[in-house]
Amino acid sequence: MTPQQFTDGLSQMAVKIKNFEEKDAPKMAGKTAADFFTDNFQRQGFLSRGLRAWPEVKRRKPKANGRPYTPRETTAAGRRILFGQTRNLSRSIDYDPQKGHVIVYSDVHYAPYHNEGTDKLPKRQFIGDSAELDKLVISELERKLKNIIK
């Protein structure tokens, strides 16, 4: 390999790395994060340094009066927390890759009330900083970057 070929190879690698940083990495990180946050609905809790389980919902607790549940109540009682009948909240998690970064969000208007909690709703976080997600994204990015550098 001549010095010029080496220099050209480095230049091409630099272009690939810049493209990865600005375009591919945000898409990959966004997809990984959106999938991870959607999985929190299956976990029924927020995964960050261990699982922080969501508070139980009233519909799944036994009736105080001892009466049996109606068929409709039985169906509701068996549903996962925050799933609802439509699963709109869990299906609303999306991402917007931008140059060099990504925004992960839910466009459902009531999402912040559940994620952060309010006076009447307990906090059931499903989006936010997560040590496990950070490790997962870093691992994916390193794997892809190693393929570029080869």
C-alpha atoms as a PDB file:
ATOM      1  CA  MET A   1       0.000   0.000   0.000  1.00  0.00           C
ATOM      2  CA  THR A   2       1.361   3.366  -0.982  1.00  0.00           C
ATOM      3  CA  PRO A   3       1.205   6.381   1.320  1.00  0.00           C
ATOM      4  CA  GLN A   4      -1.397   7.924  -1.007  1.00  0.00           C
ATOM      5  CA  GLN A   5      -3.598   4.816  -0.865  1.00  0.00           C
ATOM      6  CA  PHE A   6      -3.329   4.849   2.909  1.00  0.00           C
ATOM      7  CA  THR A   7      -4.307   8.536   3.028  1.00  0.00           C
ATOM      8  CA  ASP A   8      -7.230   7.940   0.636  1.00  0.00           C
ATOM      9  CA  GLY A   9      -8.402   5.005   2.752  1.00  0.00           C
ATOM     10  CA  LEU A  10      -8.331   7.149   5.896  1.00  0.00           C
ATOM     11  CA  SER A  11     -10.277   9.888   4.115  1.00  0.00           C
ATOM     12  CA  GLN A  12     -12.929   7.428   2.978  1.00  0.00           C
ATOM     13  CA  MET A  13     -13.151   5.979   6.485  1.00  0.00           C
ATOM     14  CA  ALA A  14     -13.559   9.491   7.934  1.00  0.00           C
ATOM     15  CA  VAL A  15     -16.449  10.166   5.561  1.00  0.00           C
ATOM     16  CA  LYS A  16     -18.126   6.878   6.536  1.00  0.00           C
ATOM     17  CA  ILE A  17     -17.684   7.627  10.238  1.00  0.00           C
ATOM     18  CA  LYS A  18     -19.107  11.151   9.847  1.00  0.00           C
ATOM     19  CA  ASN A  19     -22.092   9.750   7.918  1.00  0.00           C
ATOM     20  CA  PHE A  20     -22.585   7.117  10.622  1.00  0.00           C
ATOM     21  CA  GLU A  21     -22.427   9.756  13.378  1.00  0.00           C
ATOM     22  CA  GLU A  22     -24.865  12.135  11.698  1.00  0.00           C
ATOM     23  CA  LYS A  23     -27.346   9.760  10.049  1.00  0.00           C
ATOM     24  CA  ASP A  24     -27.067   6.067  10.856  1.00  0.00           C
ATOM     25  CA  ALA A  25     -26.312   6.262  14.593  1.00  0.00           C
ATOM     26  CA  PRO A  26     -29.347   8.457  15.432  1.00  0.00           C
ATOM     27  CA  LYS A  27     -31.651   6.097  13.510  1.00  0.00           C
ATOM     28  CA  MET A  28     -30.182   3.025  15.186  1.00  0.00           C
ATOM     29  CA  ALA A  29     -30.255   4.592  18.657  1.00  0.00           C
ATOM     30  CA  GLY A  30     -33.834   5.811  18.116  1.00  0.00           C
ATOM     31  CA  LYS A  31     -35.079   2.416  17.006  1.00  0.00           C
ATOM     32  CA  THR A  32     -33.332   0.686  19.912  1.00  0.00           C
ATOM     33  CA  ALA A  33     -34.723   3.207  22.418  1.00  0.00           C
ATOM     34  CA  ALA A  34     -38.277   3.094  21.041  1.00  0.00           C
ATOM     35  CA  ASP A  35     -38.271  -0.713  21.199  1.00  0.00           C
ATOM     36  CA  PHE A  36     -36.801  -0.640  24.716  1.00  0.00           C
ATOM     37  CA  PHE A  37     -39.416   1.831  25.980  1.00  0.00           C
ATOM     38  CA  THR A  38     -42.232  -0.118  24.325  1.00  0.00           C
ATOM     39  CA  ASP A  39     -40.981  -3.236  26.125  1.00  0.00           C
ATOM     40  CA  ASN A  40     -41.519  -1.414  29.431  1.00  0.00           C
ATOM     41  CA  PHE A  41     -45.245  -1.962  28.881  1.00  0.00           C
ATOM     42  CA  GLN A  42     -44.645  -5.721  28.765  1.00  0.00           C
ATOM     43  CA  ARG A  43     -42.406  -5.462  31.837  1.00  0.00           C
ATOM     44  CA  GLN A  44     -45.057  -3.352  33.609  1.00  0.00           C
ATOM     45  CA  GLY A  45     -42.316  -1.147  34.942  1.00  0.00           C
ATOM     46  CA  PHE A  46     -39.363   1.034  34.022  1.00  0.00           C
ATOM     47  CA  LEU A  47     -36.028  -0.702  33.527  1.00  0.00           C
ATOM     48  CA  SER A  48     -33.125   1.374  34.820  1.00  0.00           C
ATOM     49  CA  ARG A  49     -30.654  -0.123  37.272  1.00  0.00           C
ATOM     50  CA  GLY A  50     -33.192  -2.874  37.779  1.00  0.00           C
ATOM     51  CA  LEU A  51     -36.919  -2.960  37.191  1.00  0.00           C
ATOM     52  CA  ARG A  52     -38.989  -0.290  38.909  1.00  0.00           C
ATOM     53  CA  ALA A  53     -42.395  -1.968  38.862  1.00  0.00           C
ATOM     54  CA  TRP A  54     -45.421   0.245  38.341  1.00  0.00           C
ATOM     55  CA  PRO A  55     -47.960   0.656  41.142  1.00  0.00           C
ATOM     56  CA  GLU A  56     -50.831  -1.809  40.916  1.00  0.00           C
ATOM     57  CA  VAL A  57     -54.102  -0.622  39.356  1.00  0.00           C
ATOM     58  CA  LYS A  58     -57.445  -0.698  41.128  1.00  0.00           C
ATOM     59  CA  ARG A  59     -59.138  -2.772  38.413  1.00  0.00           C
ATOM     60  CA  ARG A  60     -56.870  -5.727  39.190  1.00  0.00           C
ATOM     61  CA  LYS A  61     -57.479  -5.707  42.923  1.00  0.00           C
ATOM     62  CA  PRO A  62     -60.254  -7.866  44.421  1.00  0.00           C
ATOM     63  CA  LYS A  63     -63.622  -6.178  44.869  1.00  0.00           C
ATOM     64  CA  ALA A  64     -64.061  -4.810  48.355  1.00  0.00           C
ATOM     65  CA  ASN A  65     -67.658  -6.043  48.547  1.00  0.00           C
ATOM     66  CA  GLY A  66     -66.679  -9.637  47.743  1.00  0.00           C
ATOM     67  CA  ARG A  67     -68.865  -9.808  44.605  1.00  0.00           C
ATOM     68  CA  PRO A  68     -67.503 -11.645  41.574  1.00  0.00           C
ATOM     69  CA  TYR A  69     -66.329  -9.674  38.579  1.00  0.00           C
ATOM     70  CA  THR A  70     -68.614  -9.331  35.555  1.00  0.00           C
ATOM     71  CA  PRO A  71     -67.198 -10.731  32.282  1.00  0.00           C
ATOM     72  CA  ARG A  72     -66.202  -7.209  31.219  1.00  0.00           C
ATOM     73  CA  GLU A  73     -64.518  -6.563  34.553  1.00  0.00           C
ATOM     74  CA  THR A  74     -62.703  -9.895  34.330  1.00  0.00           C
ATOM     75  CA  THR A  75     -61.266  -8.900  30.959  1.00  0.00           C
ATOM     76  CA  ALA A  76     -60.172  -5.510  32.288  1.00  0.00           C
ATOM     77  CA  ALA A  77     -58.712  -7.087  35.424  1.00  0.00           C
ATOM     78  CA  GLY A  78     -56.521  -9.362  33.323  1.00  0.00           C
ATOM     79  CA  ARG A  79     -55.093  -6.567  31.173  1.00  0.00           C
ATOM     80  CA  ARG A  80     -51.568  -5.317  31.769  1.00  0.00           C
ATOM     81  CA  ILE A  81     -51.035  -1.954  33.425  1.00  0.00           C
ATOM     82  CA  LEU A  82     -51.289   1.002  30.973  1.00  0.00           C
ATOM     83  CA  PHE A  83     -52.372  -1.227  28.091  1.00  0.00           C
ATOM     84  CA  GLY A  84     -55.948  -0.004  27.867  1.00  0.00           C
ATOM     85  CA  GLN A  85     -58.277  -1.571  25.336  1.00  0.00           C
ATOM     86  CA  THR A  86     -56.540   0.103  22.382  1.00  0.00           C
ATOM     87  CA  ARG A  87     -52.897   0.041  23.526  1.00  0.00           C
ATOM     88  CA  ASN A  88     -52.590   3.565  22.119  1.00  0.00           C
ATOM     89  CA  LEU A  89     -50.025   4.608  24.697  1.00  0.00           C
ATOM     90  CA  SER A  90     -47.670   1.684  24.163  1.00  0.00           C
ATOM     91  CA  ARG A  91     -48.027   2.015  20.376  1.00  0.00           C
ATOM     92  CA  SER A  92     -47.355   5.755  20.436  1.00  0.00           C
ATOM     93  CA  ILE A  93     -43.629   5.605  21.165  1.00  0.00           C
ATOM     94  CA  ASP A  94     -41.682   6.845  18.182  1.00  0.00           C
ATOM     95  CA  TYR A  95     -38.405   8.540  17.352  1.00  0.00           C
ATOM     96  CA  ASP A  96     -37.208  11.429  15.214  1.00  0.00           C
ATOM     97  CA  PRO A  97     -33.601  10.987  14.053  1.00  0.00           C
ATOM     98  CA  GLN A  98     -31.863  14.291  13.436  1.00  0.00           C
ATOM     99  CA  LYS A  99     -28.321  15.218  12.492  1.00  0.00           C
ATOM    100  CA  GLY A 100     -26.140  13.734  15.228  1.00  0.00           C
ATOM    101  CA  HIS A 101     -28.940  12.991  17.718  1.00  0.00           C
ATOM    102  CA  VAL A 102     -32.411  11.509  18.098  1.00  0.00           C
ATOM    103  CA  ILE A 103     -35.598  12.491  19.923  1.00  0.00           C
ATOM    104  CA  VAL A 104     -37.703   9.653  21.350  1.00  0.00           C
ATOM    105  CA  TYR A 105     -41.271  10.593  22.265  1.00  0.00           C
ATOM    106  CA  SER A 106     -44.907   9.685  22.659  1.00  0.00           C
ATOM    107  CA  ASP A 107     -47.391  11.910  20.860  1.00  0.00           C
ATOM    108  CA  VAL A 108     -50.341  10.801  23.012  1.00  0.00           C
ATOM    109  CA  HIS A 109     -51.471  13.867  24.950  1.00  0.00           C
ATOM    110  CA  TYR A 110     -51.841  11.998  28.244  1.00  0.00           C
ATOM    111  CA  ALA A 111     -48.427  10.286  28.107  1.00  0.00           C
ATOM    112  CA  PRO A 112     -46.652  12.820  30.384  1.00  0.00           C
ATOM    113  CA  TYR A 113     -49.283  12.363  33.090  1.00  0.00           C
ATOM    114  CA  HIS A 114     -48.560   8.646  33.304  1.00  0.00           C
ATOM    115  CA  ASN A 115     -44.806   8.958  32.756  1.00  0.00           C
ATOM    116  CA  GLU A 116     -44.288  11.657  35.392  1.00  0.00           C
ATOM    117  CA  GLY A 117     -47.317  11.145  37.651  1.00  0.00           C
ATOM    118  CA  THR A 118     -49.815  13.791  38.787  1.00  0.00           C
ATOM    119  CA  ASP A 119     -51.927  14.498  41.814  1.00  0.00           C
ATOM    120  CA  LYS A 120     -54.397  11.787  40.806  1.00  0.00           C
ATOM    121  CA  LEU A 121     -52.204   9.423  38.795  1.00  0.00           C
ATOM    122  CA  PRO A 122     -49.231   7.544  40.234  1.00  0.00           C
ATOM    123  CA  LYS A 123     -45.982   7.748  38.320  1.00  0.00           C
ATOM    124  CA  ARG A 124     -45.678   4.881  35.856  1.00  0.00           C
ATOM    125  CA  GLN A 125     -42.580   5.871  33.943  1.00  0.00           C
ATOM    126  CA  PHE A 126     -42.009   4.238  30.579  1.00  0.00           C
ATOM    127  CA  ILE A 127     -39.689   6.769  28.853  1.00  0.00           C
ATOM    128  CA  GLY A 128     -36.567   8.306  30.349  1.00  0.00           C
ATOM    129  CA  ASP A 129     -32.904   7.837  31.179  1.00  0.00           C
ATOM    130  CA  SER A 130     -31.994   4.195  31.622  1.00  0.00           C
ATOM    131  CA  ALA A 131     -28.605   2.665  32.397  1.00  0.00           C
ATOM    132  CA  GLU A 132     -29.622  -0.572  30.658  1.00  0.00           C
ATOM    133  CA  LEU A 133     -30.687   1.308  27.535  1.00  0.00           C
ATOM    134  CA  ASP A 134     -27.425   3.267  27.495  1.00  0.00           C
ATOM    135  CA  LYS A 135     -25.442   0.008  27.574  1.00  0.00           C
ATOM    136  CA  LEU A 136     -27.593  -1.482  24.835  1.00  0.00           C
ATOM    137  CA  VAL A 137     -27.229   1.549  22.537  1.00  0.00           C
ATOM    138  CA  ILE A 138     -23.477   1.833  23.143  1.00  0.00           C
ATOM    139  CA  SER A 139     -23.017  -1.854  22.392  1.00  0.00           C
ATOM    140  CA  GLU A 140     -24.963  -1.544  19.125  1.00  0.00           C
ATOM    141  CA  LEU A 141     -23.090   1.606  18.077  1.00  0.00           C
ATOM    142  CA  GLU A 142     -19.706   0.046  18.859  1.00  0.00           C
ATOM    143  CA  ARG A 143     -20.579  -3.052  16.859  1.00  0.00           C
ATOM    144  CA  LYS A 144     -21.571  -0.999  13.806  1.00  0.00           C
ATOM    145  CA  LEU A 145     -18.564   1.314  14.163  1.00  0.00           C
ATOM    146  CA  LYS A 146     -16.189  -1.661  14.249  1.00  0.00           C
ATOM    147  CA  ASN A 147     -17.615  -2.795  10.908  1.00  0.00           C
ATOM    148  CA  ILE A 148     -16.846   0.609   9.416  1.00  0.00           C
ATOM    149  CA  ILE A 149     -13.288   0.672  10.764  1.00  0.00           C
ATOM    150  CA  LYS A 150     -12.416  -2.851   9.501  1.00  0.00           C
END
